[in-house]
Amino acid sequence: MYCGTVSDLEQQTTPFLRVDLPRFESNLLIMSDALPGTALRPHVKAFKSTAVAKRLYSAGHTAFCCATVKEMEGMASAGLTDDLLLANEVLDARRLGVIAKDGAKITVAVDSKETIDAAISGGVVNVLIDVNVGLRRCGCAVSEAGNLATYARANGLNVRGVMGYEGHLMMVQDRSKQAEMVKDSMATLLRAHESVGGPIVSAGGTGTFDINNWATEIQAGSYLFMDTDYAKLGLPFSECLSVISRVISVAPEKNWAVVDAGLKAFGMDHGNPSVEGGIVGFCSDEHTTLYPPEGQSHVTWNVGDLVALFPAHVDPTIAKHQKMLACDGNRILEEWPIDLRGW
């Protein structure tokens, strides 16, 4: 929604999420040009906001994938019901069945008879067979994919195709090596597809969006905001999301400063956040200690200054906050509630 007036960032309670709106819109346009329409199935887990999802829908991306039942429910409540995929196994699909009864097109990933049975008992009629393509997470073996598809169809389900996430390859920095590894991973998925059938081969993510040429749809989401980890790959997207913090203490010798955003404001699984004009020393629950850059003996920040910190992993960082402020410079143009948190 739009803020009533242009606000000053200085008036906001820190820490908060700032989105550079021109960069965000550039990222959206670049991906939409590369993967128009339903060639992209944006992953809601990256942004957890129906306001952001509506922007994607307006850009022609009418099919979405989600990681949680809560995300599916929120998307349905927002009217984004054309094609919702829960790209995750679930053993209780009753809440999904409620959405389906209300008219939403609901599909769920399955990788066992137990998850197929859950879809049946929950009232979900569309499934994708989830196949393990190298990431040691969910997914059945290729040899089981056809049997599961047969079992699902025998029980009245519509098997739309296969899904396989090559998440273990997203951060391979040698792009030629990454391309070969993705090719091998997708060969596994296509073998499964031969025995499963259906029109959909769903795979991919931000890190492989341009080299996965075998999937019929790519499940990317982080590209909208990017983070310092994905930035290492040299992708054509710009980092546009930061956690704005405030300096609350400076050492008497000015050889470090402390800001009021810490572990509770960042997803830390990919490492510390980064800061321009300094070095992140360490993060505590509510604090991050910043040091001067190499070759400089003193920090230049003063108590009260706003400091932008850039997360290493954007998805879990966003999930820790209640809203994003979309800005052009220091002007707040829009406020996007992060309304899809929880399970």
Protein backbone atom coordinates (compact mmCIF):
# COMPACT_ATOMS: atom_id res chain seq x y z
CA MET A 1 0.00 0.00 0.00
CA TYR A 2 1.08 3.60 -0.48
CA CYS A 3 2.11 5.70 2.48
CA GLY A 4 -0.06 8.77 2.88
CA THR A 5 2.86 11.17 2.65
CA VAL A 6 6.54 11.08 1.85
CA SER A 7 8.34 10.17 5.06
CA ASP A 8 11.88 10.71 6.18
CA LEU A 9 13.93 7.60 6.95
CA GLU A 10 15.21 9.36 10.02
CA GLN A 11 11.76 9.11 11.57
CA GLN A 12 11.60 5.32 11.35
CA THR A 13 12.22 2.94 14.22
CA THR A 14 15.37 0.96 13.57
CA PRO A 15 16.13 -1.64 12.46
CA PHE A 16 13.91 -1.75 9.36
CA LEU A 17 14.05 -3.05 5.82
CA ARG A 18 14.66 -0.56 3.03
CA VAL A 19 14.12 -1.47 -0.63
CA ASP A 20 15.73 0.61 -3.35
CA LEU A 21 12.63 0.77 -5.55
CA PRO A 22 14.30 1.69 -8.87
CA ARG A 23 16.70 -1.26 -8.49
CA PHE A 24 13.87 -3.56 -7.48
CA GLU A 25 11.90 -2.59 -10.57
CA SER A 26 14.98 -3.13 -12.73
CA ASN A 27 15.45 -6.62 -11.29
CA LEU A 28 11.79 -7.44 -11.94
CA LEU A 29 12.03 -6.24 -15.55
CA ILE A 30 15.27 -8.12 -16.29
CA MET A 31 13.82 -11.41 -15.08
CA SER A 32 10.48 -10.83 -16.81
CA ASP A 33 12.32 -10.30 -20.09
CA ALA A 34 14.34 -13.49 -19.57
CA LEU A 35 11.46 -15.64 -18.30
CA PRO A 36 8.14 -14.08 -19.30
CA GLY A 37 4.77 -15.15 -17.97
CA THR A 38 4.55 -18.65 -16.52
CA ALA A 39 8.09 -19.53 -17.59
CA LEU A 40 8.81 -18.07 -14.15
CA ARG A 41 7.02 -19.42 -11.09
CA PRO A 42 8.14 -16.87 -8.48
CA HIS A 43 8.98 -18.37 -5.09
CA VAL A 44 6.97 -16.61 -2.42
CA LYS A 45 9.32 -17.75 0.35
CA ALA A 46 11.82 -15.14 -0.82
CA PHE A 47 9.62 -12.14 -0.03
CA LYS A 48 6.61 -13.35 2.01
CA SER A 49 4.52 -10.39 0.93
CA THR A 50 1.31 -10.33 -1.06
CA ALA A 51 2.09 -6.72 -2.04
CA VAL A 52 5.23 -7.93 -3.81
CA ALA A 53 3.35 -10.90 -5.29
CA LYS A 54 0.77 -8.54 -6.80
CA ARG A 55 3.56 -6.63 -8.54
CA LEU A 56 4.77 -9.90 -10.06
CA TYR A 57 1.24 -10.82 -11.08
CA SER A 58 0.87 -7.46 -12.82
CA ALA A 59 4.08 -8.25 -14.70
CA GLY A 60 2.47 -11.41 -16.09
CA HIS A 61 3.71 -14.00 -13.61
CA THR A 62 0.44 -15.62 -12.62
CA ALA A 63 1.75 -18.92 -11.22
CA PHE A 64 3.51 -18.97 -7.84
CA CYS A 65 5.20 -21.50 -5.61
CA CYS A 66 5.19 -21.41 -1.83
CA ALA A 67 7.13 -23.09 0.95
CA THR A 68 4.46 -23.12 3.67
CA VAL A 69 0.73 -23.66 3.99
CA LYS A 70 0.48 -20.18 5.52
CA GLU A 71 1.94 -18.68 2.36
CA MET A 72 -0.61 -20.60 0.28
CA GLU A 73 -3.47 -19.36 2.45
CA GLY A 74 -2.27 -15.77 2.30
CA MET A 75 -1.86 -15.82 -1.47
CA ALA A 76 -5.36 -17.24 -1.85
CA SER A 77 -6.80 -14.58 0.47
CA ALA A 78 -5.16 -11.94 -1.73
CA GLY A 79 -6.91 -13.36 -4.79
CA LEU A 80 -3.73 -14.77 -6.37
CA THR A 81 -5.29 -18.15 -7.03
CA ASP A 82 -4.58 -18.91 -10.72
CA ASP A 83 -1.93 -21.56 -9.98
CA LEU A 84 -0.45 -22.07 -6.51
CA LEU A 85 2.15 -24.78 -5.90
CA LEU A 86 3.23 -25.87 -2.44
CA ALA A 87 6.77 -26.85 -3.43
CA ASN A 88 7.17 -28.84 -0.25
CA GLU A 89 5.91 -32.09 1.21
CA VAL A 90 3.11 -31.89 3.76
CA LEU A 91 1.45 -34.61 5.83
CA ASP A 92 -1.70 -32.62 6.61
CA ALA A 93 -3.23 -31.04 3.53
CA ARG A 94 -6.63 -30.18 4.99
CA ARG A 95 -5.98 -26.43 4.97
CA LEU A 96 -4.95 -26.68 1.31
CA GLY A 97 -8.17 -28.52 0.56
CA VAL A 98 -10.16 -25.65 2.04
CA ILE A 99 -8.45 -23.22 -0.34
CA ALA A 100 -9.10 -25.54 -3.26
CA LYS A 101 -12.81 -25.76 -2.40
CA ASP A 102 -12.96 -21.97 -2.55
CA GLY A 103 -11.79 -22.08 -6.18
CA ALA A 104 -8.00 -21.80 -6.02
CA LYS A 105 -5.94 -24.07 -8.27
CA ILE A 106 -3.78 -25.90 -5.72
CA THR A 107 -0.91 -28.29 -6.43
CA VAL A 108 1.31 -29.95 -3.86
CA ALA A 109 4.70 -31.68 -4.18
CA VAL A 110 4.75 -35.36 -3.16
CA ASP A 111 7.60 -37.85 -2.85
CA SER A 112 6.02 -40.85 -1.10
CA LYS A 113 2.76 -42.75 -0.77
CA GLU A 114 2.33 -41.06 2.61
CA THR A 115 2.39 -37.57 1.10
CA ILE A 116 0.10 -38.68 -1.72
CA ASP A 117 -2.32 -40.06 0.86
CA ALA A 118 -2.17 -36.72 2.67
CA ALA A 119 -3.14 -34.91 -0.53
CA ILE A 120 -6.04 -37.30 -1.06
CA SER A 121 -7.36 -37.01 2.49
CA GLY A 122 -6.91 -33.24 2.45
CA GLY A 123 -8.88 -32.70 -0.73
CA VAL A 124 -6.01 -31.67 -3.04
CA VAL A 125 -6.31 -33.13 -6.54
CA ASN A 126 -3.17 -31.80 -8.27
CA VAL A 127 0.35 -33.05 -7.51
CA LEU A 128 3.89 -32.86 -8.80
CA ILE A 129 6.22 -35.79 -8.18
CA ASP A 130 9.21 -34.35 -6.33
CA VAL A 131 12.47 -36.01 -7.41
CA ASN A 132 15.86 -35.94 -5.71
CA VAL A 133 18.26 -34.38 -8.22
CA GLY A 134 21.29 -34.15 -5.94
CA LEU A 135 20.29 -31.94 -3.03
CA ARG A 136 20.05 -34.15 0.03
CA ARG A 137 16.64 -32.91 1.02
CA CYS A 138 13.18 -33.96 -0.20
CA GLY A 139 12.46 -35.92 -3.35
CA CYS A 140 12.05 -39.55 -4.36
CA ALA A 141 14.50 -41.68 -6.31
CA VAL A 142 14.15 -41.69 -10.10
CA SER A 143 13.28 -45.38 -9.94
CA GLU A 144 10.26 -44.61 -7.72
CA ALA A 145 8.87 -41.63 -9.60
CA GLY A 146 6.80 -43.60 -12.10
CA ASN A 147 5.36 -45.87 -9.42
CA LEU A 148 4.29 -42.87 -7.34
CA ALA A 149 2.66 -41.27 -10.37
CA THR A 150 0.75 -44.48 -11.07
CA TYR A 151 -0.37 -44.69 -7.44
CA ALA A 152 -1.52 -41.06 -7.47
CA ARG A 153 -3.50 -41.46 -10.68
CA ALA A 154 -5.06 -44.70 -9.47
CA ASN A 155 -6.39 -42.70 -6.52
CA GLY A 156 -7.93 -40.02 -8.67
CA LEU A 157 -5.20 -37.36 -8.57
CA ASN A 158 -4.02 -35.25 -11.49
CA VAL A 159 -0.26 -35.66 -11.87
CA ARG A 160 0.90 -32.44 -13.52
CA GLY A 161 4.53 -33.48 -13.90
CA VAL A 162 7.75 -33.46 -11.89
CA MET A 163 9.72 -31.11 -9.68
CA GLY A 164 13.38 -31.23 -8.73
CA TYR A 165 15.40 -28.52 -7.01
CA GLU A 166 19.11 -28.27 -7.78
CA GLY A 167 19.65 -26.09 -4.72
CA HIS A 168 23.09 -27.57 -4.07
CA LEU A 169 24.26 -25.91 -7.30
CA MET A 170 22.92 -22.37 -6.77
CA MET A 171 26.16 -20.92 -5.42
CA VAL A 172 28.72 -22.61 -7.71
CA GLN A 173 30.78 -19.60 -8.77
CA ASP A 174 32.45 -21.18 -11.82
CA ARG A 175 29.56 -20.65 -14.23
CA SER A 176 30.77 -23.13 -16.87
CA LYS A 177 31.19 -25.81 -14.20
CA GLN A 178 27.81 -24.87 -12.76
CA ALA A 179 26.18 -25.26 -16.18
CA GLU A 180 27.56 -28.78 -16.58
CA MET A 181 26.41 -29.77 -13.11
CA VAL A 182 22.93 -28.37 -13.74
CA LYS A 183 22.77 -30.31 -17.00
CA ASP A 184 23.55 -33.55 -15.16
CA SER A 185 21.06 -32.74 -12.42
CA MET A 186 18.30 -32.03 -14.91
CA ALA A 187 19.10 -35.21 -16.84
CA THR A 188 18.09 -37.02 -13.67
CA LEU A 189 14.84 -35.08 -13.50
CA LEU A 190 14.05 -35.69 -17.17
CA ARG A 191 14.54 -39.44 -16.72
CA ALA A 192 11.95 -39.31 -13.98
CA HIS A 193 9.67 -37.22 -16.18
CA GLU A 194 9.70 -39.91 -18.85
CA SER A 195 8.01 -42.31 -16.45
CA VAL A 196 5.77 -39.72 -14.77
CA GLY A 197 4.42 -37.68 -17.67
CA GLY A 198 2.54 -34.40 -17.39
CA PRO A 199 3.31 -31.01 -18.90
CA ILE A 200 5.40 -29.55 -16.06
CA VAL A 201 9.11 -29.84 -15.29
CA SER A 202 9.58 -27.44 -12.38
CA ALA A 203 13.07 -26.61 -11.13
CA GLY A 204 15.69 -23.92 -10.79
CA GLY A 205 16.19 -20.77 -8.80
CA THR A 206 17.91 -17.41 -8.97
CA GLY A 207 21.37 -18.96 -9.19
CA THR A 208 20.54 -21.09 -12.24
CA PHE A 209 17.75 -19.11 -13.91
CA ASP A 210 19.77 -18.51 -17.10
CA ILE A 211 21.46 -21.91 -17.45
CA ASN A 212 18.64 -24.31 -16.61
CA ASN A 213 17.29 -24.82 -20.13
CA TRP A 214 15.41 -28.03 -19.37
CA ALA A 215 12.74 -26.94 -16.89
CA THR A 216 9.43 -25.65 -18.21
CA GLU A 217 9.29 -23.20 -15.29
CA ILE A 218 11.91 -21.71 -12.97
CA GLN A 219 11.24 -21.24 -9.25
CA ALA A 220 13.22 -18.05 -8.59
CA GLY A 221 12.49 -15.39 -6.00
CA SER A 222 15.64 -13.96 -4.43
CA TYR A 223 16.55 -12.13 -7.64
CA LEU A 224 14.07 -9.40 -6.73
CA PHE A 225 16.22 -8.24 -3.80
CA MET A 226 19.51 -10.15 -4.07
CA ASP A 227 22.03 -10.54 -1.26
CA THR A 228 25.79 -10.53 -0.81
CA ASP A 229 25.99 -14.29 -1.41
CA TYR A 230 24.18 -14.25 -4.74
CA ALA A 231 26.10 -11.11 -5.71
CA LYS A 232 29.24 -13.26 -5.96
CA LEU A 233 27.83 -14.97 -9.05
CA GLY A 234 27.83 -11.87 -11.25
CA LEU A 235 24.13 -12.18 -12.11
CA PRO A 236 22.42 -9.25 -13.87
CA PHE A 237 20.48 -8.26 -10.75
CA SER A 238 21.32 -5.55 -8.22
CA GLU A 239 21.29 -5.75 -4.44
CA CYS A 240 18.39 -3.55 -3.44
CA LEU A 241 17.45 -4.63 0.09
CA SER A 242 19.22 -3.48 3.23
CA VAL A 243 18.61 -3.45 6.95
CA ILE A 244 18.77 0.14 8.11
CA SER A 245 20.26 0.43 11.58
CA ARG A 246 21.31 3.27 13.83
CA VAL A 247 24.64 3.85 15.55
CA ILE A 248 24.00 3.64 19.28
CA SER A 249 27.59 3.64 20.58
CA VAL A 250 31.07 4.59 19.42
CA ALA A 251 34.26 3.55 21.20
CA PRO A 252 36.10 6.44 22.88
CA GLU A 253 39.05 5.89 20.54
CA LYS A 254 36.59 5.70 17.60
CA ASN A 255 38.08 2.38 16.47
CA TRP A 256 34.68 0.71 16.42
CA ALA A 257 30.99 1.57 16.34
CA VAL A 258 27.90 -0.38 17.37
CA VAL A 259 24.55 -0.37 15.58
CA ASP A 260 21.17 -1.60 16.82
CA ALA A 261 20.62 -4.45 14.35
CA GLY A 262 21.92 -7.88 15.25
CA LEU A 263 21.18 -11.58 14.97
CA LYS A 264 17.45 -11.02 15.34
CA ALA A 265 17.41 -8.79 12.25
CA PHE A 266 19.39 -10.98 9.81
CA GLY A 267 19.40 -14.44 8.32
CA MET A 268 22.87 -15.57 9.35
CA ASP A 269 23.19 -18.98 7.69
CA HIS A 270 25.27 -17.53 4.84
CA GLY A 271 27.43 -15.40 7.12
CA ASN A 272 27.57 -11.87 8.46
CA PRO A 273 25.96 -8.92 6.73
CA SER A 274 28.18 -6.39 4.97
CA VAL A 275 28.52 -2.64 5.33
CA GLU A 276 29.84 0.04 3.01
CA GLY A 277 32.74 2.03 4.41
CA GLY A 278 33.66 -0.47 7.08
CA ILE A 279 34.00 -4.05 8.22
CA VAL A 280 31.42 -6.08 10.13
CA GLY A 281 33.16 -7.47 13.18
CA PHE A 282 30.50 -9.59 14.84
CA CYS A 283 26.77 -9.73 15.45
CA SER A 284 25.11 -10.12 18.85
CA ASP A 285 21.40 -10.50 19.57
CA GLU A 286 20.59 -6.80 19.20
CA HIS A 287 23.94 -5.33 18.11
CA THR A 288 26.51 -5.43 15.33
CA THR A 289 30.01 -4.13 15.90
CA LEU A 290 31.57 -2.30 12.97
CA TYR A 291 35.27 -1.63 12.42
CA PRO A 292 36.93 0.88 10.09
CA PRO A 293 37.98 -0.34 6.65
CA GLU A 294 41.49 -1.67 6.13
CA GLY A 295 44.05 1.10 6.11
CA GLN A 296 41.91 3.38 8.25
CA SER A 297 42.33 3.64 12.02
CA HIS A 298 39.02 5.24 12.97
CA VAL A 299 35.37 4.85 12.08
CA THR A 300 33.64 7.88 10.60
CA TRP A 301 30.19 7.12 12.04
CA ASN A 302 28.77 9.06 14.94
CA VAL A 303 26.07 8.17 17.45
CA GLY A 304 22.68 8.60 15.80
CA ASP A 305 23.84 7.96 12.22
CA LEU A 306 21.80 5.61 10.04
CA VAL A 307 23.83 2.74 8.61
CA ALA A 308 22.73 0.32 5.88
CA LEU A 309 23.71 -3.33 6.36
CA PHE A 310 23.37 -5.76 3.46
CA PRO A 311 22.31 -9.32 4.32
CA ALA A 312 24.13 -12.42 3.10
CA HIS A 313 20.83 -14.32 2.74
CA VAL A 314 17.80 -12.25 1.89
CA ASP A 315 14.98 -14.82 2.35
CA PRO A 316 15.32 -15.48 6.11
CA THR A 317 16.22 -11.83 6.69
CA ILE A 318 12.90 -10.66 5.27
CA ALA A 319 11.04 -13.24 7.36
CA LYS A 320 12.33 -11.59 10.55
CA HIS A 321 10.63 -8.27 9.78
CA GLN A 322 7.04 -7.01 9.56
CA LYS A 323 7.31 -4.68 6.58
CA MET A 324 9.53 -3.35 3.83
CA LEU A 325 9.79 0.33 2.96
CA ALA A 326 10.18 0.89 -0.76
CA CYS A 327 12.22 4.03 -1.32
CA ASP A 328 13.66 6.29 -3.95
CA GLY A 329 16.66 7.76 -2.23
CA ASN A 330 15.53 8.78 1.25
CA ARG A 331 11.88 9.14 0.24
CA ILE A 332 9.52 6.36 1.30
CA LEU A 333 7.13 5.74 -1.58
CA GLU A 334 5.42 2.51 -0.51
CA GLU A 335 5.07 0.22 2.47
CA TRP A 336 4.91 -3.53 1.80
CA PRO A 337 3.60 -5.60 4.72
CA ILE A 338 5.40 -8.92 5.17
CA ASP A 339 2.11 -10.70 5.73
CA LEU A 340 2.99 -14.32 4.89
CA ARG A 341 5.18 -15.16 7.86
CA GLY A 342 4.43 -18.24 9.97
CA TRP A 343 3.30 -21.72 9.06
